Amino acid sequence: MGQVIEMLSRDIQLNEKELTPPGFFEDSEDSSRSKLKMSECNTSQQSSVHITITQVTPR
């Protein structure tokens, strides 16, 4: 328990440019595939886009 308190007590610097909204993470590789699928959707064809949602909840 002491180790947890020590870790949580440390001052840290966050890179605010790297922060994402909670509950959603999109891999850059998946993003490029999604954009490709979306551009294909602009034609008369229908296609599905795979979306991955990762949610982390505290214990």
PDB file of N, CA and C in Angstrom:
ATOM      1  N   MET A   1       0.825  -1.205   0.000  1.00  0.00           N
ATOM      2  CA  MET A   1       0.000   0.000   0.000  1.00  0.00           C
ATOM      3  C   MET A   1       0.865   1.263   0.000  1.00  0.00           C
ATOM      4  N   GLY A   2       1.969   1.204   0.727  1.00  0.00           N
ATOM      5  CA  GLY A   2       2.872   2.353   0.776  1.00  0.00           C
ATOM      6  C   GLY A   2       3.435   2.700  -0.590  1.00  0.00           C
ATOM      7  N   GLN A   3       3.684   1.660  -1.395  1.00  0.00           N
ATOM      8  CA  GLN A   3       4.211   1.881  -2.745  1.00  0.00           C
ATOM      9  C   GLN A   3       3.182   2.604  -3.614  1.00  0.00           C
ATOM     10  N   VAL A   4       1.907   2.270  -3.454  1.00  0.00           N
ATOM     11  CA  VAL A   4       0.836   2.926  -4.212  1.00  0.00           C
ATOM     12  C   VAL A   4       0.752   4.397  -3.826  1.00  0.00           C
ATOM     13  N   ILE A   5       0.790   4.679  -2.544  1.00  0.00           N
ATOM     14  CA  ILE A   5       0.723   6.066  -2.071  1.00  0.00           C
ATOM     15  C   ILE A   5       1.912   6.859  -2.606  1.00  0.00           C
ATOM     16  N   GLU A   6       3.085   6.237  -2.603  1.00  0.00           N
ATOM     17  CA  GLU A   6       4.282   6.906  -3.134  1.00  0.00           C
ATOM     18  C   GLU A   6       4.115   7.221  -4.622  1.00  0.00           C
ATOM     19  N   MET A   7       3.615   6.264  -5.382  1.00  0.00           N
ATOM     20  CA  MET A   7       3.426   6.476  -6.821  1.00  0.00           C
ATOM     21  C   MET A   7       2.401   7.572  -7.093  1.00  0.00           C
ATOM     22  N   LEU A   8       1.311   7.585  -6.330  1.00  0.00           N
ATOM     23  CA  LEU A   8       0.259   8.573  -6.546  1.00  0.00           C
ATOM     24  C   LEU A   8       0.646   9.959  -6.037  1.00  0.00           C
ATOM     25  N   SER A   9       1.663  10.036  -5.207  1.00  0.00           N
ATOM     26  CA  SER A   9       2.098  11.317  -4.645  1.00  0.00           C
ATOM     27  C   SER A   9       3.101  12.046  -5.531  1.00  0.00           C
ATOM     28  N   ARG A  10       3.644  11.372  -6.523  1.00  0.00           N
ATOM     29  CA  ARG A  10       4.659  11.985  -7.392  1.00  0.00           C
ATOM     30  C   ARG A  10       4.048  13.058  -8.292  1.00  0.00           C
ATOM     31  N   ASP A  11       4.821  14.130  -8.514  1.00  0.00           N
ATOM     32  CA  ASP A  11       4.425  15.140  -9.494  1.00  0.00           C
ATOM     33  C   ASP A  11       4.736  14.600 -10.882  1.00  0.00           C
ATOM     34  N   ILE A  12       3.798  14.737 -11.796  1.00  0.00           N
ATOM     35  CA  ILE A  12       4.016  14.261 -13.160  1.00  0.00           C
ATOM     36  C   ILE A  12       3.675  15.367 -14.149  1.00  0.00           C
ATOM     37  N   GLN A  13       4.236  15.268 -15.339  1.00  0.00           N
ATOM     38  CA  GLN A  13       3.946  16.200 -16.423  1.00  0.00           C
ATOM     39  C   GLN A  13       3.183  15.443 -17.502  1.00  0.00           C
ATOM     40  N   LEU A  14       1.999  15.910 -17.850  1.00  0.00           N
ATOM     41  CA  LEU A  14       1.205  15.276 -18.901  1.00  0.00           C
ATOM     42  C   LEU A  14       1.413  15.995 -20.224  1.00  0.00           C
ATOM     43  N   ASN A  15       1.522  15.232 -21.282  1.00  0.00           N
ATOM     44  CA  ASN A  15       1.568  15.807 -22.621  1.00  0.00           C
ATOM     45  C   ASN A  15       0.113  15.965 -23.073  1.00  0.00           C
ATOM     46  N   GLU A  16      -0.422  17.158 -22.942  1.00  0.00           N
ATOM     47  CA  GLU A  16      -1.841  17.394 -23.213  1.00  0.00           C
ATOM     48  C   GLU A  16      -2.225  17.115 -24.657  1.00  0.00           C
ATOM     49  N   LYS A  17      -1.264  17.174 -25.571  1.00  0.00           N
ATOM     50  CA  LYS A  17      -1.555  16.881 -26.977  1.00  0.00           C
ATOM     51  C   LYS A  17      -1.862  15.404 -27.190  1.00  0.00           C
ATOM     52  N   GLU A  18      -1.380  14.545 -26.290  1.00  0.00           N
ATOM     53  CA  GLU A  18      -1.569  13.101 -26.420  1.00  0.00           C
ATOM     54  C   GLU A  18      -2.826  12.601 -25.698  1.00  0.00           C
ATOM     55  N   LEU A  19      -3.507  13.464 -24.965  1.00  0.00           N
ATOM     56  CA  LEU A  19      -4.687  13.038 -24.209  1.00  0.00           C
ATOM     57  C   LEU A  19      -5.859  12.760 -25.139  1.00  0.00           C
ATOM     58  N   THR A  20      -6.654  11.744 -24.803  1.00  0.00           N
ATOM     59  CA  THR A  20      -7.859  11.410 -25.567  1.00  0.00           C
ATOM     60  C   THR A  20      -9.046  11.387 -24.620  1.00  0.00           C
ATOM     61  N   PRO A  21     -10.256  11.564 -25.128  1.00  0.00           N
ATOM     62  CA  PRO A  21     -11.432  11.503 -24.260  1.00  0.00           C
ATOM     63  C   PRO A  21     -11.543  10.124 -23.600  1.00  0.00           C
ATOM     64  N   PRO A  22     -12.060  10.048 -22.374  1.00  0.00           N
ATOM     65  CA  PRO A  22     -12.182   8.754 -21.702  1.00  0.00           C
ATOM     66  C   PRO A  22     -13.139   7.821 -22.433  1.00  0.00           C
ATOM     67  N   GLY A  23     -12.806   6.542 -22.440  1.00  0.00           N
ATOM     68  CA  GLY A  23     -13.704   5.536 -23.007  1.00  0.00           C
ATOM     69  C   GLY A  23     -13.552   5.307 -24.487  1.00  0.00           C
ATOM     70  N   PHE A  24     -12.639   6.026 -25.165  1.00  0.00           N
ATOM     71  CA  PHE A  24     -12.501   5.833 -26.603  1.00  0.00           C
ATOM     72  C   PHE A  24     -11.043   5.920 -27.000  1.00  0.00           C
ATOM     73  N   PHE A  25     -10.582   4.922 -27.735  1.00  0.00           N
ATOM     74  CA  PHE A  25      -9.216   4.913 -28.250  1.00  0.00           C
ATOM     75  C   PHE A  25      -9.252   4.391 -29.665  1.00  0.00           C
ATOM     76  N   GLU A  26      -8.655   5.137 -30.587  1.00  0.00           N
ATOM     77  CA  GLU A  26      -8.634   4.707 -31.980  1.00  0.00           C
ATOM     78  C   GLU A  26      -7.191   4.567 -32.430  1.00  0.00           C
ATOM     79  N   ASP A  27      -6.826   3.360 -32.830  1.00  0.00           N
ATOM     80  CA  ASP A  27      -5.484   3.095 -33.335  1.00  0.00           C
ATOM     81  C   ASP A  27      -5.306   3.809 -34.668  1.00  0.00           C
ATOM     82  N   SER A  28      -4.121   4.375 -34.898  1.00  0.00           N
ATOM     83  CA  SER A  28      -3.893   5.122 -36.139  1.00  0.00           C
ATOM     84  C   SER A  28      -4.034   4.222 -37.360  1.00  0.00           C
ATOM     85  N   GLU A  29      -3.672   2.939 -37.242  1.00  0.00           N
ATOM     86  CA  GLU A  29      -3.824   2.003 -38.360  1.00  0.00           C
ATOM     87  C   GLU A  29      -5.310   1.764 -38.643  1.00  0.00           C
ATOM     88  N   ASP A  30      -6.100   1.589 -37.574  1.00  0.00           N
ATOM     89  CA  ASP A  30      -7.547   1.428 -37.741  1.00  0.00           C
ATOM     90  C   ASP A  30      -8.168   2.689 -38.321  1.00  0.00           C
ATOM     91  N   SER A  31      -7.642   3.848 -37.926  1.00  0.00           N
ATOM     92  CA  SER A  31      -8.171   5.115 -38.414  1.00  0.00           C
ATOM     93  C   SER A  31      -8.011   5.230 -39.920  1.00  0.00           C
ATOM     94  N   SER A  32      -6.843   4.845 -40.428  1.00  0.00           N
ATOM     95  CA  SER A  32      -6.629   4.941 -41.875  1.00  0.00           C
ATOM     96  C   SER A  32      -7.526   3.957 -42.612  1.00  0.00           C
ATOM     97  N   ARG A  33      -7.751   2.771 -42.019  1.00  0.00           N
ATOM     98  CA  ARG A  33      -8.667   1.806 -42.637  1.00  0.00           C
ATOM     99  C   ARG A  33     -10.090   2.345 -42.636  1.00  0.00           C
ATOM    100  N   SER A  34     -10.470   3.001 -41.531  1.00  0.00           N
ATOM    101  CA  SER A  34     -11.817   3.564 -41.433  1.00  0.00           C
ATOM    102  C   SER A  34     -12.024   4.643 -42.484  1.00  0.00           C
ATOM    103  N   LYS A  35     -11.016   5.488 -42.680  1.00  0.00           N
ATOM    104  CA  LYS A  35     -11.130   6.552 -43.676  1.00  0.00           C
ATOM    105  C   LYS A  35     -11.268   5.959 -45.071  1.00  0.00           C
ATOM    106  N   LEU A  36     -10.536   4.868 -45.329  1.00  0.00           N
ATOM    107  CA  LEU A  36     -10.633   4.204 -46.621  1.00  0.00           C
ATOM    108  C   LEU A  36     -12.045   3.657 -46.807  1.00  0.00           C
ATOM    109  N   LYS A  37     -12.576   3.005 -45.780  1.00  0.00           N
ATOM    110  CA  LYS A  37     -13.929   2.453 -45.861  1.00  0.00           C
ATOM    111  C   LYS A  37     -14.951   3.571 -46.067  1.00  0.00           C
ATOM    112  N   MET A  38     -14.754   4.690 -45.370  1.00  0.00           N
ATOM    113  CA  MET A  38     -15.697   5.803 -45.497  1.00  0.00           C
ATOM    114  C   MET A  38     -15.674   6.358 -46.914  1.00  0.00           C
ATOM    115  N   SER A  39     -14.488   6.433 -47.522  1.00  0.00           N
ATOM    116  CA  SER A  39     -14.419   6.950 -48.884  1.00  0.00           C
ATOM    117  C   SER A  39     -15.076   5.975 -49.852  1.00  0.00           C
ATOM    118  N   GLU A  40     -14.971   4.674 -49.568  1.00  0.00           N
ATOM    119  CA  GLU A  40     -15.647   3.682 -50.401  1.00  0.00           C
ATOM    120  C   GLU A  40     -17.164   3.804 -50.247  1.00  0.00           C
ATOM    121  N   CYS A  41     -17.608   4.246 -49.085  1.00  0.00           N
ATOM    122  CA  CYS A  41     -19.038   4.388 -48.804  1.00  0.00           C
ATOM    123  C   CYS A  41     -19.666   5.503 -49.628  1.00  0.00           C
ATOM    124  N   ASN A  42     -18.862   6.440 -50.069  1.00  0.00           N
ATOM    125  CA  ASN A  42     -19.396   7.556 -50.837  1.00  0.00           C
ATOM    126  C   ASN A  42     -19.928   7.113 -52.196  1.00  0.00           C
ATOM    127  N   THR A  43     -19.541   5.926 -52.631  1.00  0.00           N
ATOM    128  CA  THR A  43     -20.113   5.379 -53.861  1.00  0.00           C
ATOM    129  C   THR A  43     -21.451   4.740 -53.502  1.00  0.00           C
ATOM    130  N   SER A  44     -22.061   4.044 -54.424  1.00  0.00           N
ATOM    131  CA  SER A  44     -23.371   3.450 -54.143  1.00  0.00           C
ATOM    132  C   SER A  44     -23.273   2.161 -53.331  1.00  0.00           C
ATOM    133  N   GLN A  45     -22.057   1.747 -52.950  1.00  0.00           N
ATOM    134  CA  GLN A  45     -21.879   0.524 -52.169  1.00  0.00           C
ATOM    135  C   GLN A  45     -22.009   0.823 -50.682  1.00  0.00           C
ATOM    136  N   GLN A  46     -22.386  -0.212 -49.937  1.00  0.00           N
ATOM    137  CA  GLN A  46     -22.414  -0.091 -48.486  1.00  0.00           C
ATOM    138  C   GLN A  46     -21.286  -0.940 -47.925  1.00  0.00           C
ATOM    139  N   SER A  47     -20.633  -0.447 -46.891  1.00  0.00           N
ATOM    140  CA  SER A  47     -19.586  -1.238 -46.244  1.00  0.00           C
ATOM    141  C   SER A  47     -19.647  -0.997 -44.747  1.00  0.00           C
ATOM    142  N   SER A  48     -19.105  -1.931 -43.991  1.00  0.00           N
ATOM    143  CA  SER A  48     -19.102  -1.775 -42.542  1.00  0.00           C
ATOM    144  C   SER A  48     -17.726  -1.314 -42.083  1.00  0.00           C
ATOM    145  N   VAL A  49     -17.707  -0.596 -40.981  1.00  0.00           N
ATOM    146  CA  VAL A  49     -16.467  -0.086 -40.423  1.00  0.00           C
ATOM    147  C   VAL A  49     -16.317  -0.682 -39.029  1.00  0.00           C
ATOM    148  N   HIS A  50     -15.174  -1.303 -38.771  1.00  0.00           N
ATOM    149  CA  HIS A  50     -14.907  -1.903 -37.466  1.00  0.00           C
ATOM    150  C   HIS A  50     -14.421  -0.815 -36.511  1.00  0.00           C
ATOM    151  N   ILE A  51     -15.123  -0.637 -35.400  1.00  0.00           N
ATOM    152  CA  ILE A  51     -14.744   0.359 -34.405  1.00  0.00           C
ATOM    153  C   ILE A  51     -14.437  -0.368 -33.101  1.00  0.00           C
ATOM    154  N   THR A  52     -13.304  -0.053 -32.516  1.00  0.00           N
ATOM    155  CA  THR A  52     -12.916  -0.651 -31.248  1.00  0.00           C
ATOM    156  C   THR A  52     -13.047   0.399 -30.158  1.00  0.00           C
ATOM    157  N   ILE A  53     -13.770   0.069 -29.100  1.00  0.00           N
ATOM    158  CA  ILE A  53     -13.915   0.976 -27.966  1.00  0.00           C
ATOM    159  C   ILE A  53     -13.294   0.299 -26.750  1.00  0.00           C
ATOM    160  N   THR A  54     -12.369   0.989 -26.119  1.00  0.00           N
ATOM    161  CA  THR A  54     -11.717   0.467 -24.928  1.00  0.00           C
ATOM    162  C   THR A  54     -12.089   1.365 -23.764  1.00  0.00           C
ATOM    163  N   GLN A  55     -12.620   0.776 -22.714  1.00  0.00           N
ATOM    164  CA  GLN A  55     -12.992   1.563 -21.546  1.00  0.00           C
ATOM    165  C   GLN A  55     -12.252   1.008 -20.338  1.00  0.00           C
ATOM    166  N   VAL A  56     -11.592   1.887 -19.612  1.00  0.00           N
ATOM    167  CA  VAL A  56     -10.855   1.491 -18.423  1.00  0.00           C
ATOM    168  C   VAL A  56     -11.584   2.054 -17.220  1.00  0.00           C
ATOM    169  N   THR A  57     -11.915   1.194 -16.287  1.00  0.00           N
ATOM    170  CA  THR A  57     -12.604   1.638 -15.081  1.00  0.00           C
ATOM    171  C   THR A  57     -11.714   1.372 -13.872  1.00  0.00           C
ATOM    172  N   PRO A  58     -11.762   2.236 -12.869  1.00  0.00           N
ATOM    173  CA  PRO A  58     -10.938   2.028 -11.673  1.00  0.00           C
ATOM    174  C   PRO A  58     -11.423   0.828 -10.870  1.00  0.00           C
ATOM    175  N   ARG A  59     -10.529   0.263 -10.120  1.00  0.00           N
ATOM    176  CA  ARG A  59     -10.890  -0.878  -9.269  1.00  0.00           C
ATOM    177  C   ARG A  59     -11.655  -0.427  -8.060  1.00  0.00           C
TER     178      ARG A  59
END
